[in-house]
PDB file of all heavy atoms in Angstrom:
ATOM      1  N   GLY A   1       5.943  -0.097   8.173  1.00  0.00           N
ATOM      2  CA  GLY A   1       4.631   0.056   7.317  1.00  0.00           C
ATOM      3  C   GLY A   1       3.939  -1.228   7.051  1.00  0.00           C
ATOM      4  O   GLY A   1       4.510  -2.257   7.463  1.00  0.00           O
ATOM      5  N   ILE A   2       2.701  -1.164   6.544  1.00  0.00           N
ATOM      6  CA  ILE A   2       2.016  -2.351   6.252  1.00  0.00           C
ATOM      7  C   ILE A   2       1.027  -2.058   5.120  1.00  0.00           C
ATOM      8  O   ILE A   2       0.586  -0.900   4.937  1.00  0.00           O
ATOM      9  CB  ILE A   2       1.071  -2.766   7.557  1.00  0.00           C
ATOM     10  CG1 ILE A   2       0.423  -4.102   7.281  1.00  0.00           C
ATOM     11  CG2 ILE A   2       0.153  -1.625   7.877  1.00  0.00           C
ATOM     12  CD1 ILE A   2      -0.199  -4.629   8.492  1.00  0.00           C
ATOM     13  N   TYR A   3       0.880  -3.080   4.192  1.00  0.00           N
ATOM     14  CA  TYR A   3       0.184  -2.760   2.932  1.00  0.00           C
ATOM     15  C   TYR A   3      -0.472  -4.056   2.407  1.00  0.00           C
ATOM     16  O   TYR A   3      -0.244  -5.224   2.756  1.00  0.00           O
ATOM     17  CB  TYR A   3       0.982  -2.002   1.993  1.00  0.00           C
ATOM     18  CG  TYR A   3       1.988  -2.910   1.282  1.00  0.00           C
ATOM     19  CD1 TYR A   3       1.908  -3.152  -0.089  1.00  0.00           C
ATOM     20  CD2 TYR A   3       3.222  -3.144   1.893  1.00  0.00           C
ATOM     21  CE1 TYR A   3       2.858  -3.902  -0.806  1.00  0.00           C
ATOM     22  CE2 TYR A   3       4.273  -3.837   1.229  1.00  0.00           C
ATOM     23  CZ  TYR A   3       4.114  -4.185  -0.215  1.00  0.00           C
ATOM     24  OH  TYR A   3       5.075  -4.886  -0.816  1.00  0.00           O
ATOM     25  N   THR A   4      -1.406  -3.776   1.448  1.00  0.00           N
ATOM     26  CA  THR A   4      -1.946  -4.830   0.674  1.00  0.00           C
ATOM     27  C   THR A   4      -2.042  -4.404  -0.795  1.00  0.00           C
ATOM     28  O   THR A   4      -1.708  -3.284  -1.103  1.00  0.00           O
ATOM     29  CB  THR A   4      -3.438  -5.241   1.056  1.00  0.00           C
ATOM     30  OG1 THR A   4      -3.916  -6.449   0.594  1.00  0.00           O
ATOM     31  CG2 THR A   4      -4.340  -4.136   0.791  1.00  0.00           C
ATOM     32  N   HIS A   5      -2.508  -5.278  -1.724  1.00  0.00           N
ATOM     33  CA  HIS A   5      -2.477  -4.892  -3.089  1.00  0.00           C
ATOM     34  C   HIS A   5      -3.897  -5.356  -3.665  1.00  0.00           C
ATOM     35  O   HIS A   5      -4.344  -6.513  -3.369  1.00  0.00           O
ATOM     36  CB  HIS A   5      -1.465  -5.737  -3.939  1.00  0.00           C
ATOM     37  CG  HIS A   5      -1.296  -5.251  -5.384  1.00  0.00           C
ATOM     38  ND1 HIS A   5      -0.925  -3.961  -5.567  1.00  0.00           N
ATOM     39  CD2 HIS A   5      -1.509  -5.891  -6.441  1.00  0.00           C
ATOM     40  CE1 HIS A   5      -1.015  -3.820  -6.917  1.00  0.00           C
ATOM     41  NE2 HIS A   5      -1.315  -4.976  -7.494  1.00  0.00           N
ATOM     42  N   PHE A   6      -4.489  -4.538  -4.411  1.00  0.00           N
ATOM     43  CA  PHE A   6      -5.926  -4.845  -4.907  1.00  0.00           C
ATOM     44  C   PHE A   6      -5.744  -5.561  -6.097  1.00  0.00           C
ATOM     45  O   PHE A   6      -4.935  -5.261  -7.079  1.00  0.00           O
ATOM     46  CB  PHE A   6      -6.580  -3.535  -5.218  1.00  0.00           C
ATOM     47  CG  PHE A   6      -7.020  -2.746  -3.835  1.00  0.00           C
ATOM     48  CD1 PHE A   6      -6.681  -1.387  -3.810  1.00  0.00           C
ATOM     49  CD2 PHE A   6      -7.580  -3.327  -2.809  1.00  0.00           C
ATOM     50  CE1 PHE A   6      -6.993  -0.614  -2.807  1.00  0.00           C
ATOM     51  CE2 PHE A   6      -7.798  -2.568  -1.714  1.00  0.00           C
ATOM     52  CZ  PHE A   6      -7.521  -1.180  -1.590  1.00  0.00           C
ATOM     53  N   SER A   7      -6.663  -6.559  -6.338  1.00  0.00           N
ATOM     54  CA  SER A   7      -6.492  -7.460  -7.562  1.00  0.00           C
ATOM     55  C   SER A   7      -7.442  -7.023  -8.642  1.00  0.00           C
ATOM     56  O   SER A   7      -7.051  -7.336  -9.874  1.00  0.00           O
ATOM     57  CB  SER A   7      -6.969  -8.884  -7.138  1.00  0.00           C
ATOM     58  OG  SER A   7      -8.328  -8.885  -6.706  1.00  0.00           O
ATOM     59  N   SER A   8      -8.455  -6.223  -8.424  1.00  0.00           N
ATOM     60  CA  SER A   8      -9.441  -5.943  -9.554  1.00  0.00           C
ATOM     61  C   SER A   8      -9.905  -4.491  -9.579  1.00  0.00           C
ATOM     62  O   SER A   8     -11.018  -4.185  -9.957  1.00  0.00           O
ATOM     63  CB  SER A   8     -10.657  -6.867  -9.450  1.00  0.00           C
ATOM     64  OG  SER A   8     -10.211  -8.307  -9.340  1.00  0.00           O
ATOM     65  N   ALA A   9      -8.978  -3.645  -9.212  1.00  0.00           N
ATOM     66  CA  ALA A   9      -9.520  -2.137  -9.126  1.00  0.00           C
ATOM     67  C   ALA A   9      -9.732  -1.590 -10.437  1.00  0.00           C
ATOM     68  O   ALA A   9     -10.286  -0.627 -10.682  1.00  0.00           O
ATOM     69  CB  ALA A   9      -8.434  -1.331  -8.401  1.00  0.00           C
ATOM     70  N   PHE A  10      -9.248  -2.329 -11.516  1.00  0.00           N
ATOM     71  CA  PHE A  10      -9.486  -1.822 -12.980  1.00  0.00           C
ATOM     72  C   PHE A  10     -10.962  -1.800 -13.176  1.00  0.00           C
ATOM     73  O   PHE A  10     -11.526  -1.056 -13.928  1.00  0.00           O
ATOM     74  CB  PHE A  10      -8.794  -2.818 -13.814  1.00  0.00           C
ATOM     75  CG  PHE A  10      -7.340  -2.947 -13.883  1.00  0.00           C
ATOM     76  CD1 PHE A  10      -6.748  -3.966 -13.083  1.00  0.00           C
ATOM     77  CD2 PHE A  10      -6.526  -1.977 -14.443  1.00  0.00           C
ATOM     78  CE1 PHE A  10      -5.261  -4.122 -12.974  1.00  0.00           C
ATOM     79  CE2 PHE A  10      -5.180  -2.084 -14.421  1.00  0.00           C
ATOM     80  CZ  PHE A  10      -4.589  -3.079 -13.507  1.00  0.00           C
ATOM     81  N   ARG A  11     -11.784  -2.882 -12.632  1.00  0.00           N
ATOM     82  CA  ARG A  11     -13.104  -2.923 -13.146  1.00  0.00           C
ATOM     83  C   ARG A  11     -14.062  -3.364 -12.081  1.00  0.00           C
ATOM     84  O   ARG A  11     -15.285  -3.462 -12.273  1.00  0.00           O
ATOM     85  CB  ARG A  11     -13.139  -4.049 -14.268  1.00  0.00           C
ATOM     86  CG  ARG A  11     -12.668  -5.418 -13.850  1.00  0.00           C
ATOM     87  CD  ARG A  11     -12.600  -6.375 -15.089  1.00  0.00           C
ATOM     88  NE  ARG A  11     -12.009  -7.684 -14.679  1.00  0.00           N
ATOM     89  CZ  ARG A  11     -12.823  -8.721 -14.253  1.00  0.00           C
ATOM     90  NH1 ARG A  11     -14.037  -8.571 -14.039  1.00  0.00           N
ATOM     91  NH2 ARG A  11     -12.280  -9.928 -13.948  1.00  0.00           N
ATOM     92  N   ASN A  12     -13.651  -3.678 -10.770  1.00  0.00           N
ATOM     93  CA  ASN A  12     -14.537  -4.132  -9.806  1.00  0.00           C
ATOM     94  C   ASN A  12     -14.396  -3.360  -8.509  1.00  0.00           C
ATOM     95  O   ASN A  12     -13.695  -3.783  -7.689  1.00  0.00           O
ATOM     96  CB  ASN A  12     -14.237  -5.626  -9.539  1.00  0.00           C
ATOM     97  CG  ASN A  12     -15.444  -6.351  -8.715  1.00  0.00           C
ATOM     98  OD1 ASN A  12     -16.014  -5.686  -7.996  1.00  0.00           O
ATOM     99  ND2 ASN A  12     -15.638  -7.597  -9.019  1.00  0.00           N
ATOM    100  N   ALA A  13     -15.058  -2.192  -8.395  1.00  0.00           N
ATOM    101  CA  ALA A  13     -14.875  -1.359  -7.198  1.00  0.00           C
ATOM    102  C   ALA A  13     -15.474  -1.959  -6.003  1.00  0.00           C
ATOM    103  O   ALA A  13     -14.937  -1.830  -4.897  1.00  0.00           O
ATOM    104  CB  ALA A  13     -15.679  -0.050  -7.513  1.00  0.00           C
ATOM    105  N   GLU A  14     -16.580  -2.764  -6.094  1.00  0.00           N
ATOM    106  CA  GLU A  14     -17.166  -3.486  -4.959  1.00  0.00           C
ATOM    107  C   GLU A  14     -16.165  -4.503  -4.282  1.00  0.00           C
ATOM    108  O   GLU A  14     -15.946  -4.489  -3.105  1.00  0.00           O
ATOM    109  CB  GLU A  14     -18.514  -4.253  -5.415  1.00  0.00           C
ATOM    110  CG  GLU A  14     -19.110  -4.872  -4.190  1.00  0.00           C
ATOM    111  CD  GLU A  14     -20.437  -5.540  -4.647  1.00  0.00           C
ATOM    112  OE1 GLU A  14     -20.979  -5.276  -5.696  1.00  0.00           O
ATOM    113  OE2 GLU A  14     -20.958  -6.312  -3.710  1.00  0.00           O
ATOM    114  N   LEU A  15     -15.513  -5.282  -5.155  1.00  0.00           N
ATOM    115  CA  LEU A  15     -14.563  -6.233  -4.511  1.00  0.00           C
ATOM    116  C   LEU A  15     -13.297  -5.572  -3.953  1.00  0.00           C
ATOM    117  O   LEU A  15     -12.768  -5.876  -3.018  1.00  0.00           O
ATOM    118  CB  LEU A  15     -13.970  -7.150  -5.853  1.00  0.00           C
ATOM    119  CG  LEU A  15     -12.889  -8.165  -5.337  1.00  0.00           C
ATOM    120  CD1 LEU A  15     -13.340  -8.989  -4.226  1.00  0.00           C
ATOM    121  CD2 LEU A  15     -12.376  -8.990  -6.578  1.00  0.00           C
ATOM    122  N   THR A  16     -12.858  -4.402  -4.622  1.00  0.00           N
ATOM    123  CA  THR A  16     -11.753  -3.530  -4.066  1.00  0.00           C
ATOM    124  C   THR A  16     -12.165  -3.032  -2.602  1.00  0.00           C
ATOM    125  O   THR A  16     -11.336  -3.060  -1.729  1.00  0.00           O
ATOM    126  CB  THR A  16     -11.475  -2.342  -5.055  1.00  0.00           C
ATOM    127  OG1 THR A  16     -11.239  -2.873  -6.227  1.00  0.00           O
ATOM    128  CG2 THR A  16     -10.409  -1.533  -4.403  1.00  0.00           C
ATOM    129  N   LYS A  17     -13.343  -2.677  -2.480  1.00  0.00           N
ATOM    130  CA  LYS A  17     -13.835  -2.162  -1.141  1.00  0.00           C
ATOM    131  C   LYS A  17     -13.871  -3.187  -0.107  1.00  0.00           C
ATOM    132  O   LYS A  17     -13.487  -3.073   1.018  1.00  0.00           O
ATOM    133  CB  LYS A  17     -15.184  -1.387  -1.278  1.00  0.00           C
ATOM    134  CG  LYS A  17     -15.071  -0.142  -2.028  1.00  0.00           C
ATOM    135  CD  LYS A  17     -16.490   0.626  -2.213  1.00  0.00           C
ATOM    136  CE  LYS A  17     -16.250   1.844  -2.887  1.00  0.00           C
ATOM    137  NZ  LYS A  17     -17.565   2.626  -3.067  1.00  0.00           N
ATOM    138  N   ILE A  18     -14.254  -4.423  -0.655  1.00  0.00           N
ATOM    139  CA  ILE A  18     -14.219  -5.583   0.378  1.00  0.00           C
ATOM    140  C   ILE A  18     -12.767  -5.923   0.818  1.00  0.00           C
ATOM    141  O   ILE A  18     -12.576  -6.229   1.905  1.00  0.00           O
ATOM    142  CB  ILE A  18     -14.880  -6.831  -0.451  1.00  0.00           C
ATOM    143  CG1 ILE A  18     -16.338  -6.554  -0.660  1.00  0.00           C
ATOM    144  CG2 ILE A  18     -14.645  -8.152   0.441  1.00  0.00           C
ATOM    145  CD1 ILE A  18     -16.987  -7.607  -1.421  1.00  0.00           C
ATOM    146  N   GLN A  19     -11.874  -5.871  -0.192  1.00  0.00           N
ATOM    147  CA  GLN A  19     -10.455  -6.073   0.089  1.00  0.00           C
ATOM    148  C   GLN A  19      -9.995  -5.089   1.041  1.00  0.00           C
ATOM    149  O   GLN A  19      -9.259  -5.305   2.041  1.00  0.00           O
ATOM    150  CB  GLN A  19      -9.681  -6.077  -1.072  1.00  0.00           C
ATOM    151  CG  GLN A  19      -9.643  -7.289  -2.014  1.00  0.00           C
ATOM    152  CD  GLN A  19      -8.664  -7.229  -3.117  1.00  0.00           C
ATOM    153  OE1 GLN A  19      -9.015  -6.873  -4.195  1.00  0.00           O
ATOM    154  NE2 GLN A  19      -7.421  -7.621  -2.781  1.00  0.00           N
ATOM    155  N   LEU A  20     -10.328  -3.779   0.938  1.00  0.00           N
ATOM    156  CA  LEU A  20      -9.965  -2.769   1.809  1.00  0.00           C
ATOM    157  C   LEU A  20     -10.400  -3.028   3.209  1.00  0.00           C
ATOM    158  O   LEU A  20      -9.733  -2.771   4.109  1.00  0.00           O
ATOM    159  CB  LEU A  20     -10.406  -1.376   1.231  1.00  0.00           C
ATOM    160  CG  LEU A  20     -10.027  -0.134   2.079  1.00  0.00           C
ATOM    161  CD1 LEU A  20      -8.513  -0.041   2.193  1.00  0.00           C
ATOM    162  CD2 LEU A  20     -10.543   1.089   1.446  1.00  0.00           C
ATOM    163  N   THR A  21     -11.737  -3.378   3.292  1.00  0.00           N
ATOM    164  CA  THR A  21     -12.374  -3.669   4.703  1.00  0.00           C
ATOM    165  C   THR A  21     -11.610  -4.794   5.385  1.00  0.00           C
ATOM    166  O   THR A  21     -11.236  -4.648   6.552  1.00  0.00           O
ATOM    167  CB  THR A  21     -13.804  -3.960   4.589  1.00  0.00           C
ATOM    168  OG1 THR A  21     -14.443  -2.861   3.957  1.00  0.00           O
ATOM    169  CG2 THR A  21     -14.484  -4.253   5.907  1.00  0.00           C
ATOM    170  N   LEU A  22     -11.272  -5.830   4.626  1.00  0.00           N
ATOM    171  CA  LEU A  22     -10.590  -6.876   5.172  1.00  0.00           C
ATOM    172  C   LEU A  22      -9.146  -6.532   5.606  1.00  0.00           C
ATOM    173  O   LEU A  22      -8.658  -6.907   6.685  1.00  0.00           O
ATOM    174  CB  LEU A  22     -10.485  -8.037   4.107  1.00  0.00           C
ATOM    175  CG  LEU A  22      -9.851  -9.442   4.571  1.00  0.00           C
ATOM    176  CD1 LEU A  22     -10.635  -9.981   5.718  1.00  0.00           C
ATOM    177  CD2 LEU A  22      -9.715 -10.272   3.326  1.00  0.00           C
ATOM    178  N   PHE A  23      -8.564  -5.505   4.908  1.00  0.00           N
ATOM    179  CA  PHE A  23      -7.310  -5.135   5.243  1.00  0.00           C
ATOM    180  C   PHE A  23      -7.241  -4.316   6.502  1.00  0.00           C
ATOM    181  O   PHE A  23      -6.473  -4.516   7.361  1.00  0.00           O
ATOM    182  CB  PHE A  23      -6.656  -4.388   4.032  1.00  0.00           C
ATOM    183  CG  PHE A  23      -5.289  -3.700   4.353  1.00  0.00           C
ATOM    184  CD1 PHE A  23      -4.250  -4.389   4.639  1.00  0.00           C
ATOM    185  CD2 PHE A  23      -5.221  -2.195   4.159  1.00  0.00           C
ATOM    186  CE1 PHE A  23      -3.030  -3.748   4.927  1.00  0.00           C
ATOM    187  CE2 PHE A  23      -4.009  -1.669   4.482  1.00  0.00           C
ATOM    188  CZ  PHE A  23      -2.897  -2.403   4.697  1.00  0.00           C
ATOM    189  N   ARG A  24      -8.257  -3.366   6.479  1.00  0.00           N
ATOM    190  CA  ARG A  24      -8.346  -2.624   7.714  1.00  0.00           C
ATOM    191  C   ARG A  24      -8.521  -3.444   8.997  1.00  0.00           C
ATOM    192  O   ARG A  24      -7.928  -3.079  10.097  1.00  0.00           O
ATOM    193  CB  ARG A  24      -9.535  -1.601   7.527  1.00  0.00           C
ATOM    194  CG  ARG A  24      -9.323  -0.379   6.648  1.00  0.00           C
ATOM    195  CD  ARG A  24     -10.620   0.377   6.581  1.00  0.00           C
ATOM    196  NE  ARG A  24     -10.508   1.420   5.635  1.00  0.00           N
ATOM    197  CZ  ARG A  24     -10.030   2.690   5.858  1.00  0.00           C
ATOM    198  NH1 ARG A  24      -9.517   2.973   7.019  1.00  0.00           N
ATOM    199  NH2 ARG A  24     -10.045   3.726   4.896  1.00  0.00           N
ATOM    200  N   ASP A  25      -9.376  -4.348   8.908  1.00  0.00           N
ATOM    201  CA  ASP A  25      -9.710  -5.388  10.000  1.00  0.00           C
ATOM    202  C   ASP A  25      -8.412  -5.982  10.492  1.00  0.00           C
ATOM    203  O   ASP A  25      -8.170  -6.093  11.694  1.00  0.00           O
ATOM    204  CB  ASP A  25     -10.834  -6.362   9.598  1.00  0.00           C
ATOM    205  CG  ASP A  25     -12.078  -5.586   9.511  1.00  0.00           C
ATOM    206  OD1 ASP A  25     -12.266  -4.586   9.949  1.00  0.00           O
ATOM    207  OD2 ASP A  25     -12.958  -6.343   8.976  1.00  0.00           O
ATOM    208  N   THR A  26      -7.675  -6.479   9.458  1.00  0.00           N
ATOM    209  CA  THR A  26      -6.332  -7.258   9.777  1.00  0.00           C
ATOM    210  C   THR A  26      -5.302  -6.280  10.504  1.00  0.00           C
ATOM    211  O   THR A  26      -4.714  -6.574  11.527  1.00  0.00           O
ATOM    212  CB  THR A  26      -5.748  -7.765   8.642  1.00  0.00           C
ATOM    213  OG1 THR A  26      -6.806  -8.624   7.934  1.00  0.00           O
ATOM    214  CG2 THR A  26      -4.580  -8.706   8.894  1.00  0.00           C
TER     215      THR A  26
END
């Protein structure tokens, strides 16, 4: 498996989506 962890999903959906895109690319 492979995973990441979101830092600001409590209040920042835009940053969370940026993290997700970065993760997918990696």
